[in-house]
Amino acid sequence: MRLIEKKCPNCGAGLKFDEDDKEVVCEYCKKSYVIERDKAEIEKNTSDNNDVDKRIVSEYYNLIQKKNDGIKAIASIFIVIFVFAVILFFSGALEVSRNFNKTFFDTVPVAPEKKDTYVTEIKQIDEKSLEIFHSESKSSLSKLNEFILSDVEKSEWTYVGMYLLTNKDEDAREFDKINELYDVYKKTFVGDDINIEVYATVRYTNLKLTDDNIVSNSYKGYVIAPMTFVKGSSYVQGYVSNEELYNKTIRSKSGDYNILSTDGLYMEN
């Protein structure tokens, strides 16, 4: 801070005071004075102070900017190192995968694709599969609706035989039905005014053979048994003869399928 020297107007002794003081007392005559400054000096001091403040702010900003630039530089270096490390990692992993696949597939033999084998003869159906087919058929047929007088005696559904239809097109796709199996049953109704025998069948499709020559199938059949009125409002479900079942269910397929059957079934001569 600048020291200012003036003479006391009263005794002529020297007055010493700082440039920011507002009053001064003479050490000799003890006379006190209020210090007045002209406008030019005040503006000069203010300008000087502002310059000092601006210089301090500028130096502080430069210091902060240098610090930020240093942080950015360090962050950029770390980012470059990280990206480089990631590239190296994935490059190595890809190379390991390529080497593993090459080694694995070169040393492990690939099994030849197995072509599906479908049933082409009834005798290919094993005994266990036959039991399953017959059980499923009887269960499905037992759920058929019928309305008949209470004094009429009726039998259970009994097995008659099987039709096997094989597609003549050797390149047929599975959803075109490679083969069809028809499990045929009959049932009798006997009473004072009724004596009738009806036939029904359950169809299974696309029977395949496993490596052990066992039939592979979902064993879910489709029941074919139309409603037949026997007297008034009395009705049963089934065809009225073995021949009718053949003509309305099997015969129409002879153009596309070879038809095989077991004994006991109607076959067109």
Protein backbone atom coordinates (compact mmCIF):
# COMPACT_ATOMS: atom_id res chain seq x y z
CA MET A 1 0.00 0.00 0.00
CA ARG A 2 1.43 3.43 -0.95
CA LEU A 3 2.42 5.93 1.82
CA ILE A 4 1.53 9.60 1.20
CA GLU A 5 3.31 12.56 2.80
CA LYS A 6 1.71 16.04 3.22
CA LYS A 7 2.37 19.15 5.43
CA CYS A 8 0.08 20.09 8.26
CA PRO A 9 -1.71 23.31 7.30
CA ASN A 10 -1.68 24.41 10.99
CA CYS A 11 1.93 23.88 12.09
CA GLY A 12 3.73 22.89 8.95
CA ALA A 13 4.83 19.55 10.35
CA GLY A 14 4.86 16.53 8.05
CA LEU A 15 1.72 14.37 7.80
CA LYS A 16 2.08 10.75 6.80
CA PHE A 17 -0.90 8.56 5.91
CA ASP A 18 -1.81 5.64 3.65
CA GLU A 19 -3.52 6.25 0.35
CA ASP A 20 -6.70 4.51 1.60
CA ASP A 21 -6.97 6.48 4.91
CA LYS A 22 -9.98 8.81 5.26
CA GLU A 23 -8.52 11.09 8.01
CA VAL A 24 -5.15 11.94 9.62
CA VAL A 25 -4.02 13.54 12.94
CA CYS A 26 -0.89 15.78 13.16
CA GLU A 27 1.56 14.27 15.61
CA TYR A 28 2.70 17.74 16.76
CA CYS A 29 -0.32 20.00 17.02
CA LYS A 30 -2.86 17.20 17.28
CA LYS A 31 -4.96 18.82 14.62
CA SER A 32 -7.11 16.29 12.71
CA TYR A 33 -7.98 16.53 9.03
CA VAL A 34 -10.44 14.72 6.73
CA ILE A 35 -8.64 13.48 3.64
CA GLU A 36 -10.33 14.45 0.40
CA ARG A 37 -9.29 12.98 -2.94
CA ASP A 38 -10.07 14.34 -6.33
CA LYS A 39 -12.17 12.38 -8.81
CA ALA A 40 -9.24 11.64 -11.11
CA GLU A 41 -7.31 9.96 -8.30
CA ILE A 42 -10.36 7.89 -7.24
CA GLU A 43 -10.93 6.71 -10.81
CA LYS A 44 -7.24 5.90 -11.14
CA ASN A 45 -7.25 3.83 -7.96
CA THR A 46 -10.47 2.08 -9.01
CA SER A 47 -9.00 1.36 -12.44
CA ASP A 48 -5.84 0.02 -10.86
CA ASN A 49 -7.86 -2.20 -8.55
CA ASN A 50 -9.96 -3.44 -11.46
CA ASP A 51 -6.83 -4.24 -13.45
CA VAL A 52 -5.50 -6.17 -10.50
CA ASP A 53 -8.80 -8.08 -10.16
CA LYS A 54 -8.89 -8.83 -13.87
CA ARG A 55 -5.30 -10.07 -13.77
CA ILE A 56 -6.10 -12.34 -10.80
CA VAL A 57 -9.22 -13.74 -12.52
CA SER A 58 -7.31 -14.29 -15.77
CA GLU A 59 -4.49 -16.11 -14.00
CA TYR A 60 -7.03 -18.25 -12.11
CA TYR A 61 -8.89 -19.12 -15.34
CA ASN A 62 -5.65 -20.04 -17.08
CA LEU A 63 -4.74 -22.26 -14.16
CA ILE A 64 -8.13 -24.03 -14.29
CA GLN A 65 -7.88 -24.39 -18.08
CA LYS A 66 -4.45 -25.95 -17.83
CA LYS A 67 -5.77 -28.37 -15.19
CA ASN A 68 -8.74 -29.36 -17.38
CA ASP A 69 -6.49 -29.80 -20.41
CA GLY A 70 -4.32 -32.13 -18.35
CA ILE A 71 -7.32 -34.19 -17.22
CA LYS A 72 -8.60 -34.45 -20.82
CA ALA A 73 -5.20 -35.56 -22.03
CA ILE A 74 -4.98 -38.27 -19.35
CA ALA A 75 -8.58 -39.44 -20.11
CA SER A 76 -7.79 -39.60 -23.84
CA ILE A 77 -4.74 -41.75 -23.15
CA PHE A 78 -6.80 -44.17 -21.01
CA ILE A 79 -9.53 -44.38 -23.69
CA VAL A 80 -6.98 -45.21 -26.39
CA ILE A 81 -5.40 -47.87 -24.18
CA PHE A 82 -8.84 -49.38 -23.35
CA VAL A 83 -9.95 -49.53 -27.01
CA PHE A 84 -6.67 -51.11 -28.01
CA ALA A 85 -7.01 -53.71 -25.24
CA VAL A 86 -10.58 -54.55 -26.33
CA ILE A 87 -9.47 -55.01 -29.94
CA LEU A 88 -6.64 -57.30 -28.85
CA PHE A 89 -8.99 -59.33 -26.63
CA PHE A 90 -11.61 -59.95 -29.30
CA SER A 91 -8.97 -60.65 -31.93
CA GLY A 92 -7.48 -63.29 -29.66
CA ALA A 93 -10.89 -64.77 -28.80
CA LEU A 94 -11.81 -64.99 -32.50
CA GLU A 95 -8.55 -66.73 -33.31
CA VAL A 96 -9.05 -69.21 -30.45
CA SER A 97 -12.58 -69.93 -31.67
CA ARG A 98 -11.35 -70.50 -35.22
CA ASN A 99 -8.65 -72.86 -34.06
CA PHE A 100 -11.11 -74.75 -31.81
CA ASN A 101 -13.68 -75.15 -34.57
CA LYS A 102 -11.04 -76.29 -37.02
CA THR A 103 -9.61 -78.80 -34.57
CA PHE A 104 -13.02 -80.04 -33.35
CA PHE A 105 -14.68 -80.47 -36.72
CA ASP A 106 -11.56 -81.96 -38.28
CA THR A 107 -11.28 -84.62 -35.58
CA VAL A 108 -14.95 -85.42 -34.74
CA PRO A 109 -16.64 -87.50 -37.43
CA VAL A 110 -19.94 -86.12 -38.69
CA ALA A 111 -22.73 -88.70 -38.60
CA PRO A 112 -24.47 -89.13 -41.94
CA GLU A 113 -27.98 -87.73 -42.07
CA LYS A 114 -30.51 -90.44 -41.30
CA LYS A 115 -33.28 -90.74 -43.84
CA ASP A 116 -36.70 -91.40 -42.38
CA THR A 117 -37.97 -94.94 -42.86
CA TYR A 118 -41.72 -95.26 -43.11
CA VAL A 119 -43.91 -98.30 -42.62
CA THR A 120 -44.71 -99.87 -46.01
CA GLU A 121 -46.16 -103.22 -44.87
CA ILE A 122 -48.56 -104.15 -42.08
CA LYS A 123 -46.18 -106.86 -40.87
CA GLN A 124 -43.62 -104.14 -40.03
CA ILE A 125 -45.83 -102.93 -37.16
CA ASP A 126 -44.51 -104.51 -33.95
CA GLU A 127 -46.80 -106.15 -31.39
CA LYS A 128 -46.34 -103.42 -28.79
CA SER A 129 -47.34 -100.72 -31.25
CA LEU A 130 -50.36 -102.77 -32.36
CA GLU A 131 -51.51 -102.96 -28.74
CA ILE A 132 -51.16 -99.19 -28.39
CA PHE A 133 -53.09 -98.54 -31.62
CA HIS A 134 -55.93 -100.88 -30.61
CA SER A 135 -56.12 -99.40 -27.09
CA GLU A 136 -56.28 -95.86 -28.43
CA SER A 137 -58.91 -96.84 -31.02
CA LYS A 138 -61.21 -98.50 -28.48
CA SER A 139 -60.88 -95.54 -26.13
CA SER A 140 -61.81 -93.09 -28.89
CA LEU A 141 -64.73 -95.18 -30.19
CA SER A 142 -66.18 -95.61 -26.71
CA LYS A 143 -66.80 -91.86 -26.62
CA LEU A 144 -69.08 -91.87 -29.68
CA ASN A 145 -72.66 -90.68 -29.18
CA GLU A 146 -75.64 -92.98 -29.64
CA PHE A 147 -79.34 -92.83 -28.86
CA ILE A 148 -80.99 -96.24 -28.72
CA LEU A 149 -83.87 -97.85 -26.81
CA SER A 150 -82.99 -99.30 -23.41
CA ASP A 151 -84.27 -102.82 -24.31
CA VAL A 152 -81.68 -103.12 -27.10
CA GLU A 153 -78.60 -105.18 -26.32
CA LYS A 154 -75.36 -103.79 -27.66
CA SER A 155 -71.86 -105.18 -27.81
CA GLU A 156 -68.51 -103.54 -27.22
CA TRP A 157 -66.48 -102.40 -30.18
CA THR A 158 -64.50 -105.40 -31.47
CA TYR A 159 -61.46 -105.41 -33.73
CA VAL A 160 -62.01 -106.44 -37.37
CA GLY A 161 -58.77 -105.67 -39.16
CA MET A 162 -56.48 -102.98 -40.57
CA TYR A 163 -55.97 -101.16 -43.84
CA LEU A 164 -52.53 -99.74 -44.64
CA LEU A 165 -52.29 -97.16 -47.41
CA THR A 166 -48.82 -96.21 -48.71
CA ASN A 167 -48.28 -93.15 -50.91
CA LYS A 168 -47.37 -94.02 -54.49
CA ASP A 169 -45.23 -90.87 -54.70
CA GLU A 170 -41.87 -91.86 -53.21
CA ASP A 171 -40.89 -88.18 -52.85
CA ALA A 172 -44.08 -87.20 -51.01
CA ARG A 173 -43.58 -84.81 -48.11
CA GLU A 174 -44.68 -85.77 -44.62
CA PHE A 175 -47.58 -83.33 -44.46
CA ASP A 176 -48.87 -84.99 -47.66
CA LYS A 177 -49.19 -88.20 -45.59
CA ILE A 178 -46.59 -90.82 -46.46
CA ASN A 179 -48.87 -93.57 -45.16
CA GLU A 180 -52.22 -94.04 -43.45
CA LEU A 181 -53.31 -96.80 -41.09
CA TYR A 182 -57.05 -97.54 -40.62
CA ASP A 183 -57.90 -99.57 -37.50
CA VAL A 184 -61.38 -101.05 -38.17
CA TYR A 185 -63.98 -102.11 -35.53
CA LYS A 186 -67.58 -103.26 -35.44
CA LYS A 187 -70.46 -103.14 -32.95
CA THR A 188 -73.87 -104.86 -32.90
CA PHE A 189 -77.29 -103.70 -31.66
CA VAL A 190 -79.99 -106.37 -31.14
CA GLY A 191 -83.60 -105.87 -29.91
CA ASP A 192 -87.24 -106.61 -30.74
CA ASP A 193 -87.27 -104.15 -33.63
CA ILE A 194 -83.53 -103.57 -34.19
CA ASN A 195 -80.83 -105.89 -35.45
CA ILE A 196 -77.93 -103.93 -36.87
CA GLU A 197 -74.15 -104.17 -37.19
CA VAL A 198 -72.13 -101.01 -37.71
CA TYR A 199 -68.47 -100.43 -38.62
CA ALA A 200 -66.14 -97.57 -37.66
CA THR A 201 -62.46 -96.88 -38.15
CA VAL A 202 -59.72 -94.80 -36.54
CA ARG A 203 -57.07 -93.34 -38.85
CA TYR A 204 -53.38 -92.85 -37.97
CA THR A 205 -50.89 -91.15 -40.32
CA ASN A 206 -47.18 -91.16 -41.12
CA LEU A 207 -45.99 -94.22 -39.22
CA LYS A 208 -42.18 -94.30 -39.03
CA LEU A 209 -39.73 -97.03 -38.05
CA THR A 210 -36.98 -96.39 -35.51
CA ASP A 211 -33.52 -97.95 -35.70
CA ASP A 212 -34.91 -100.82 -33.60
CA ASN A 213 -37.78 -101.33 -36.08
CA ILE A 214 -40.30 -100.00 -33.57
CA VAL A 215 -43.13 -97.88 -34.93
CA SER A 216 -42.89 -94.22 -33.96
CA ASN A 217 -46.20 -92.37 -33.95
CA SER A 218 -48.15 -89.98 -31.77
CA TYR A 219 -50.82 -92.73 -31.41
CA LYS A 220 -53.51 -90.09 -31.69
CA GLY A 221 -56.07 -91.23 -34.21
CA TYR A 222 -58.97 -89.60 -36.04
CA VAL A 223 -62.31 -91.37 -35.64
CA ILE A 224 -64.37 -91.90 -38.83
CA ALA A 225 -67.97 -93.00 -37.99
CA PRO A 226 -70.96 -91.20 -39.55
CA MET A 227 -74.34 -90.96 -37.80
CA THR A 228 -76.80 -93.67 -38.90
CA PHE A 229 -80.52 -93.66 -38.03
CA VAL A 230 -81.88 -97.15 -37.30
CA LYS A 231 -85.49 -96.44 -36.30
CA GLY A 232 -87.36 -93.21 -35.79
CA SER A 233 -85.20 -90.99 -33.61
CA SER A 234 -82.86 -93.84 -32.67
CA TYR A 235 -79.37 -93.50 -34.11
CA VAL A 236 -75.88 -94.98 -33.84
CA GLN A 237 -72.52 -93.95 -35.26
CA GLY A 238 -70.89 -96.12 -37.89
CA TYR A 239 -71.20 -97.54 -41.40
CA VAL A 240 -73.90 -100.16 -41.94
CA SER A 241 -71.47 -102.67 -43.50
CA ASN A 242 -67.81 -103.51 -43.97
CA GLU A 243 -68.22 -102.83 -47.70
CA GLU A 244 -69.72 -99.37 -47.15
CA LEU A 245 -66.81 -98.39 -44.92
CA TYR A 246 -64.37 -99.44 -47.64
CA ASN A 247 -66.21 -97.69 -50.47
CA LYS A 248 -66.67 -94.38 -48.62
CA THR A 249 -63.34 -94.25 -46.77
CA ILE A 250 -60.68 -96.28 -48.58
CA ARG A 251 -61.62 -96.72 -52.21
CA SER A 252 -61.39 -93.02 -53.12
CA LYS A 253 -57.70 -93.04 -52.17
CA SER A 254 -56.68 -95.83 -54.57
CA GLY A 255 -55.42 -93.31 -57.13
CA ASP A 256 -52.70 -91.99 -54.80
CA TYR A 257 -52.11 -94.92 -52.45
CA ASN A 258 -51.32 -98.61 -52.59
CA ILE A 259 -53.90 -100.39 -50.44
CA LEU A 260 -53.04 -103.33 -48.17
CA SER A 261 -55.36 -105.05 -45.69
CA THR A 262 -55.50 -107.84 -43.14
CA ASP A 263 -57.91 -110.78 -43.37
CA GLY A 264 -61.52 -110.04 -42.47
CA LEU A 265 -61.77 -106.73 -44.31
CA TYR A 266 -63.57 -106.01 -47.54
CA MET A 267 -61.29 -105.58 -50.55
CA GLU A 268 -62.44 -104.77 -54.04
CA ASN A 269 -61.69 -107.59 -56.47
